[in-house]
Amino acid sequence: MKFAKTFRGVPNGEIYPVEYSPGDDCPPELEQAAQECGVLDDKPSKARPEKAK
């Protein structure tokens, strides 16, 4: 998923927060926190296309 708003989070392997801008890909480990903060874009990203039915 991609960020729709600015978000600060600490990705795996880092000790300091990183500021993500709108349009940046959200690391999987931060998706739940970003979702709860309402900063993710509702549209699925190209990195994870949904399966066709």
PDB file of N, CA and C in Angstrom:
ATOM      1  N   MET A   1       0.841  -1.171   0.000  1.00  0.00           N
ATOM      2  CA  MET A   1       0.000   0.000   0.000  1.00  0.00           C
ATOM      3  C   MET A   1       0.888   1.238   0.000  1.00  0.00           C
ATOM      4  N   LYS A   2       0.313   2.337  -0.405  1.00  0.00           N
ATOM      5  CA  LYS A   2       1.049   3.595  -0.449  1.00  0.00           C
ATOM      6  C   LYS A   2       0.464   4.567   0.567  1.00  0.00           C
ATOM      7  N   PHE A   3       1.314   5.480   1.008  1.00  0.00           N
ATOM      8  CA  PHE A   3       0.864   6.500   1.945  1.00  0.00           C
ATOM      9  C   PHE A   3       0.075   7.576   1.206  1.00  0.00           C
ATOM     10  N   ALA A   4      -1.010   8.036   1.838  1.00  0.00           N
ATOM     11  CA  ALA A   4      -1.799   9.137   1.312  1.00  0.00           C
ATOM     12  C   ALA A   4      -1.442  10.441   2.023  1.00  0.00           C
ATOM     13  N   LYS A   5      -0.840  10.314   3.207  1.00  0.00           N
ATOM     14  CA  LYS A   5      -0.437  11.463   4.016  1.00  0.00           C
ATOM     15  C   LYS A   5       0.958  11.200   4.567  1.00  0.00           C
ATOM     16  N   THR A   6       1.585  12.244   5.084  1.00  0.00           N
ATOM     17  CA  THR A   6       2.900  12.103   5.698  1.00  0.00           C
ATOM     18  C   THR A   6       2.794  11.234   6.946  1.00  0.00           C
ATOM     19  N   PHE A   7       3.778  10.361   7.146  1.00  0.00           N
ATOM     20  CA  PHE A   7       3.780   9.432   8.281  1.00  0.00           C
ATOM     21  C   PHE A   7       5.209   9.219   8.739  1.00  0.00           C
ATOM     22  N   ARG A   8       5.403   9.144  10.051  1.00  0.00           N
ATOM     23  CA  ARG A   8       6.720   8.831  10.615  1.00  0.00           C
ATOM     24  C   ARG A   8       6.640   7.489  11.310  1.00  0.00           C
ATOM     25  N   GLY A   9       7.577   6.608  11.002  1.00  0.00           N
ATOM     26  CA  GLY A   9       7.614   5.290  11.613  1.00  0.00           C
ATOM     27  C   GLY A   9       9.025   4.728  11.585  1.00  0.00           C
ATOM     28  N   VAL A  10       9.254   3.718  12.407  1.00  0.00           N
ATOM     29  CA  VAL A  10      10.570   3.087  12.491  1.00  0.00           C
ATOM     30  C   VAL A  10      10.485   1.720  11.814  1.00  0.00           C
ATOM     31  N   PRO A  11      11.033   1.594  10.601  1.00  0.00           N
ATOM     32  CA  PRO A  11      11.001   0.300   9.918  1.00  0.00           C
ATOM     33  C   PRO A  11      11.964  -0.695  10.558  1.00  0.00           C
ATOM     34  N   ASN A  12      11.744  -1.969  10.289  1.00  0.00           N
ATOM     35  CA  ASN A  12      12.626  -3.021  10.815  1.00  0.00           C
ATOM     36  C   ASN A  12      14.076  -2.731  10.450  1.00  0.00           C
ATOM     37  N   GLY A  13      14.953  -2.936  11.406  1.00  0.00           N
ATOM     38  CA  GLY A  13      16.383  -2.746  11.166  1.00  0.00           C
ATOM     39  C   GLY A  13      16.866  -1.330  11.400  1.00  0.00           C
ATOM     40  N   GLU A  14      15.984  -0.408  11.721  1.00  0.00           N
ATOM     41  CA  GLU A  14      16.362   0.988  11.959  1.00  0.00           C
ATOM     42  C   GLU A  14      16.145   1.321  13.429  1.00  0.00           C
ATOM     43  N   ILE A  15      16.815   2.375  13.912  1.00  0.00           N
ATOM     44  CA  ILE A  15      16.605   2.802  15.287  1.00  0.00           C
ATOM     45  C   ILE A  15      15.989   4.197  15.354  1.00  0.00           C
ATOM     46  N   TYR A  16      15.964   4.888  14.229  1.00  0.00           N
ATOM     47  CA  TYR A  16      15.380   6.221  14.177  1.00  0.00           C
ATOM     48  C   TYR A  16      14.178   6.215  13.242  1.00  0.00           C
ATOM     49  N   PRO A  17      13.197   7.081  13.516  1.00  0.00           N
ATOM     50  CA  PRO A  17      12.028   7.146  12.635  1.00  0.00           C
ATOM     51  C   PRO A  17      12.386   7.692  11.257  1.00  0.00           C
ATOM     52  N   VAL A  18      11.623   7.245  10.287  1.00  0.00           N
ATOM     53  CA  VAL A  18      11.758   7.697   8.909  1.00  0.00           C
ATOM     54  C   VAL A  18      10.471   8.426   8.559  1.00  0.00           C
ATOM     55  N   GLU A  19      10.584   9.552   7.868  1.00  0.00           N
ATOM     56  CA  GLU A  19       9.382  10.267   7.441  1.00  0.00           C
ATOM     57  C   GLU A  19       9.034   9.825   6.022  1.00  0.00           C
ATOM     58  N   TYR A  20       7.835   9.291   5.876  1.00  0.00           N
ATOM     59  CA  TYR A  20       7.339   8.841   4.586  1.00  0.00           C
ATOM     60  C   TYR A  20       6.415   9.907   4.019  1.00  0.00           C
ATOM     61  N   SER A  21       6.518  10.167   2.738  1.00  0.00           N
ATOM     62  CA  SER A  21       5.699  11.164   2.053  1.00  0.00           C
ATOM     63  C   SER A  21       4.555  10.489   1.318  1.00  0.00           C
ATOM     64  N   PRO A  22       3.517  11.255   0.985  1.00  0.00           N
ATOM     65  CA  PRO A  22       2.432  10.678   0.191  1.00  0.00           C
ATOM     66  C   PRO A  22       2.978  10.080  -1.106  1.00  0.00           C
ATOM     67  N   GLY A  23       2.534   8.871  -1.430  1.00  0.00           N
ATOM     68  CA  GLY A  23       2.989   8.178  -2.635  1.00  0.00           C
ATOM     69  C   GLY A  23       4.087   7.165  -2.363  1.00  0.00           C
ATOM     70  N   ASP A  24       4.751   7.257  -1.200  1.00  0.00           N
ATOM     71  CA  ASP A  24       5.781   6.273  -0.841  1.00  0.00           C
ATOM     72  C   ASP A  24       5.124   4.941  -0.496  1.00  0.00           C
ATOM     73  N   ASP A  25       5.832   3.850  -0.774  1.00  0.00           N
ATOM     74  CA  ASP A  25       5.341   2.527  -0.390  1.00  0.00           C
ATOM     75  C   ASP A  25       5.458   2.363   1.117  1.00  0.00           C
ATOM     76  N   CYS A  26       4.443   1.745   1.706  1.00  0.00           N
ATOM     77  CA  CYS A  26       4.443   1.487   3.142  1.00  0.00           C
ATOM     78  C   CYS A  26       5.093   0.140   3.410  1.00  0.00           C
ATOM     79  N   PRO A  27       6.119   0.100   4.278  1.00  0.00           N
ATOM     80  CA  PRO A  27       6.719  -1.186   4.637  1.00  0.00           C
ATOM     81  C   PRO A  27       5.676  -2.075   5.322  1.00  0.00           C
ATOM     82  N   PRO A  28       5.713  -3.375   5.068  1.00  0.00           N
ATOM     83  CA  PRO A  28       4.709  -4.282   5.654  1.00  0.00           C
ATOM     84  C   PRO A  28       4.626  -4.194   7.179  1.00  0.00           C
ATOM     85  N   GLU A  29       5.753  -3.969   7.849  1.00  0.00           N
ATOM     86  CA  GLU A  29       5.749  -3.925   9.304  1.00  0.00           C
ATOM     87  C   GLU A  29       5.081  -2.669   9.859  1.00  0.00           C
ATOM     88  N   LEU A  30       4.853  -1.659   9.021  1.00  0.00           N
ATOM     89  CA  LEU A  30       4.204  -0.423   9.476  1.00  0.00           C
ATOM     90  C   LEU A  30       2.765  -0.299   8.997  1.00  0.00           C
ATOM     91  N   GLU A  31       2.290  -1.269   8.186  1.00  0.00           N
ATOM     92  CA  GLU A  31       0.953  -1.149   7.602  1.00  0.00           C
ATOM     93  C   GLU A  31      -0.151  -1.049   8.646  1.00  0.00           C
ATOM     94  N   GLN A  32      -0.107  -1.857   9.696  1.00  0.00           N
ATOM     95  CA  GLN A  32      -1.168  -1.827  10.692  1.00  0.00           C
ATOM     96  C   GLN A  32      -1.229  -0.469  11.396  1.00  0.00           C
ATOM     97  N   ALA A  33      -0.080   0.052  11.805  1.00  0.00           N
ATOM     98  CA  ALA A  33      -0.043   1.349  12.482  1.00  0.00           C
ATOM     99  C   ALA A  33      -0.508   2.457  11.548  1.00  0.00           C
ATOM    100  N   ALA A  34      -0.064   2.416  10.305  1.00  0.00           N
ATOM    101  CA  ALA A  34      -0.453   3.441   9.339  1.00  0.00           C
ATOM    102  C   ALA A  34      -1.951   3.365   9.042  1.00  0.00           C
ATOM    103  N   GLN A  35      -2.483   2.152   8.964  1.00  0.00           N
ATOM    104  CA  GLN A  35      -3.917   1.959   8.721  1.00  0.00           C
ATOM    105  C   GLN A  35      -4.715   2.563   9.878  1.00  0.00           C
ATOM    106  N   GLU A  36      -4.292   2.301  11.107  1.00  0.00           N
ATOM    107  CA  GLU A  36      -4.987   2.825  12.281  1.00  0.00           C
ATOM    108  C   GLU A  36      -4.913   4.347  12.360  1.00  0.00           C
ATOM    109  N   CYS A  37      -3.845   4.920  11.829  1.00  0.00           N
ATOM    110  CA  CYS A  37      -3.705   6.384  11.805  1.00  0.00           C
ATOM    111  C   CYS A  37      -4.443   7.015  10.628  1.00  0.00           C
ATOM    112  N   GLY A  38      -4.911   6.188   9.692  1.00  0.00           N
ATOM    113  CA  GLY A  38      -5.658   6.699   8.544  1.00  0.00           C
ATOM    114  C   GLY A  38      -4.804   7.404   7.513  1.00  0.00           C
ATOM    115  N   VAL A  39      -3.553   6.970   7.355  1.00  0.00           N
ATOM    116  CA  VAL A  39      -2.648   7.647   6.421  1.00  0.00           C
ATOM    117  C   VAL A  39      -2.358   6.844   5.155  1.00  0.00           C
ATOM    118  N   LEU A  40      -3.024   5.700   4.988  1.00  0.00           N
ATOM    119  CA  LEU A  40      -2.789   4.885   3.792  1.00  0.00           C
ATOM    120  C   LEU A  40      -3.794   5.201   2.705  1.00  0.00           C
ATOM    121  N   ASP A  41      -3.336   5.074   1.465  1.00  0.00           N
ATOM    122  CA  ASP A  41      -4.196   5.250   0.305  1.00  0.00           C
ATOM    123  C   ASP A  41      -5.122   4.035   0.221  1.00  0.00           C
ATOM    124  N   ASP A  42      -6.385   4.255  -0.102  1.00  0.00           N
ATOM    125  CA  ASP A  42      -7.346   3.160  -0.186  1.00  0.00           C
ATOM    126  C   ASP A  42      -7.121   2.263  -1.389  1.00  0.00           C
ATOM    127  N   LYS A  43      -6.483   2.794  -2.431  1.00  0.00           N
ATOM    128  CA  LYS A  43      -6.245   2.010  -3.639  1.00  0.00           C
ATOM    129  C   LYS A  43      -5.071   1.062  -3.427  1.00  0.00           C
ATOM    130  N   PRO A  44      -5.163  -0.189  -3.884  1.00  0.00           N
ATOM    131  CA  PRO A  44      -4.028  -1.106  -3.757  1.00  0.00           C
ATOM    132  C   PRO A  44      -2.869  -0.657  -4.645  1.00  0.00           C
ATOM    133  N   SER A  45      -1.653  -0.884  -4.183  1.00  0.00           N
ATOM    134  CA  SER A  45      -0.481  -0.496  -4.964  1.00  0.00           C
ATOM    135  C   SER A  45      -0.190  -1.539  -6.040  1.00  0.00           C
ATOM    136  N   LYS A  46       0.662  -1.171  -6.986  1.00  0.00           N
ATOM    137  CA  LYS A  46       1.038  -2.097  -8.056  1.00  0.00           C
ATOM    138  C   LYS A  46       1.943  -3.206  -7.529  1.00  0.00           C
ATOM    139  N   ALA A  47       2.564  -2.989  -6.370  1.00  0.00           N
ATOM    140  CA  ALA A  47       3.469  -3.985  -5.813  1.00  0.00           C
ATOM    141  C   ALA A  47       2.706  -5.238  -5.356  1.00  0.00           C
ATOM    142  N   ARG A  48       1.444  -5.066  -5.013  1.00  0.00           N
ATOM    143  CA  ARG A  48       0.622  -6.204  -4.577  1.00  0.00           C
ATOM    144  C   ARG A  48      -0.696  -6.217  -5.339  1.00  0.00           C
ATOM    145  N   PRO A  49      -0.692  -6.632  -6.568  1.00  0.00           N
ATOM    146  CA  PRO A  49      -1.953  -6.641  -7.311  1.00  0.00           C
ATOM    147  C   PRO A  49      -2.912  -7.691  -6.749  1.00  0.00           C
ATOM    148  N   GLU A  50      -4.202  -7.346  -6.775  1.00  0.00           N
ATOM    149  CA  GLU A  50      -5.202  -8.302  -6.293  1.00  0.00           C
ATOM    150  C   GLU A  50      -5.392  -9.383  -7.326  1.00  0.00           C
ATOM    151  N   LYS A  51      -5.740 -10.582  -6.855  1.00  0.00           N
ATOM    152  CA  LYS A  51      -5.951 -11.697  -7.760  1.00  0.00           C
ATOM    153  C   LYS A  51      -7.250 -11.512  -8.545  1.00  0.00           C
ATOM    154  N   ALA A  52      -7.212 -11.802  -9.813  1.00  0.00           N
ATOM    155  CA  ALA A  52      -8.402 -11.730 -10.649  1.00  0.00           C
ATOM    156  C   ALA A  52      -9.310 -12.921 -10.342  1.00  0.00           C
ATOM    157  N   LYS A  53     -10.588 -12.679 -10.331  1.00  0.00           N
ATOM    158  CA  LYS A  53     -11.531 -13.761 -10.046  1.00  0.00           C
ATOM    159  C   LYS A  53     -12.258 -14.197 -11.305  1.00  0.00           C
TER     160      LYS A  53
END
